[in-house]
Amino acid sequence: MQSNTATEKPPVAKAYNGKDRNDLIFGWNPQAEIWNGRFAMIGFLAYLLWDLSGYSVVCNLLYWLK
């Protein structure tokens, strides 16, 4: 087993285009789908926390539809 030193980079997950899947690369590529999913999860969690704190958009919409 080799030891990682400070100068060695950890292994990267390469797929499709041979580049690191965690790199933030602009344009239409497989990395964009990964980052899109990550930002969607952050947005969903932010809305969930906002809704639980009492600022519910869904309740306001249902109230207006009555």
Protein backbone atom coordinates (compact mmCIF):
# COMPACT_ATOMS: atom_id res chain seq x y z
CA MET A 1 0.00 0.00 0.00
CA GLN A 2 1.35 3.41 -0.92
CA SER A 3 1.19 6.37 1.40
CA ASN A 4 -0.17 9.68 0.15
CA THR A 5 2.12 12.60 0.69
CA ALA A 6 1.19 16.25 0.53
CA THR A 7 2.43 16.52 -3.05
CA GLU A 8 0.39 13.60 -4.42
CA LYS A 9 -3.14 14.18 -5.62
CA PRO A 10 -5.80 11.69 -4.55
CA PRO A 11 -7.22 9.48 -7.29
CA VAL A 12 -10.07 11.06 -9.23
CA ALA A 13 -13.23 9.47 -10.57
CA LYS A 14 -12.86 9.78 -14.32
CA ALA A 15 -15.77 8.95 -16.60
CA TYR A 16 -16.99 9.72 -20.12
CA ASN A 17 -14.53 12.46 -21.05
CA GLY A 18 -11.54 11.49 -18.91
CA LYS A 19 -11.80 14.52 -16.63
CA ASP A 20 -12.49 14.70 -12.92
CA ARG A 21 -16.25 14.38 -12.35
CA ASN A 22 -16.08 16.86 -9.46
CA ASP A 23 -14.52 19.67 -11.50
CA LEU A 24 -16.77 22.63 -12.14
CA ILE A 25 -16.60 22.74 -15.94
CA PHE A 26 -18.82 25.15 -17.87
CA GLY A 27 -21.00 23.85 -20.69
CA TRP A 28 -22.93 20.70 -21.61
CA ASN A 29 -21.03 17.81 -20.02
CA PRO A 30 -21.53 15.02 -17.47
CA GLN A 31 -20.11 17.22 -14.70
CA ALA A 32 -22.98 19.68 -15.22
CA GLU A 33 -25.52 17.02 -14.23
CA ILE A 34 -23.64 16.25 -11.03
CA TRP A 35 -23.44 19.93 -10.05
CA ASN A 36 -27.08 20.48 -11.04
CA GLY A 37 -28.11 17.70 -8.68
CA ARG A 38 -26.00 19.10 -5.86
CA PHE A 39 -27.48 22.58 -6.23
CA ALA A 40 -30.99 21.10 -6.40
CA MET A 41 -30.41 19.26 -3.11
CA ILE A 42 -29.13 22.46 -1.48
CA GLY A 43 -32.16 24.39 -2.76
CA PHE A 44 -34.61 21.73 -1.57
CA LEU A 45 -33.02 21.69 1.89
CA ALA A 46 -33.05 25.50 2.06
CA TYR A 47 -36.75 25.62 1.15
CA LEU A 48 -37.55 22.87 3.65
CA LEU A 49 -35.81 24.75 6.46
CA TRP A 50 -37.49 27.99 5.41
CA ASP A 51 -40.90 26.28 5.39
CA LEU A 52 -40.33 24.72 8.80
CA SER A 53 -39.41 28.11 10.26
CA GLY A 54 -42.91 29.40 9.48
CA TYR A 55 -42.55 31.11 6.12
CA SER A 56 -44.64 28.65 4.12
CA VAL A 57 -45.26 29.55 0.49
CA VAL A 58 -47.53 26.52 0.02
CA CYS A 59 -49.80 27.53 2.92
CA ASN A 60 -50.02 31.08 1.57
CA LEU A 61 -51.00 29.84 -1.89
CA LEU A 62 -53.65 27.53 -0.46
CA TYR A 63 -54.99 30.40 1.66
CA TRP A 64 -55.28 32.64 -1.42
CA LEU A 65 -57.10 29.93 -3.38
CA LYS A 66 -59.92 29.66 -0.81
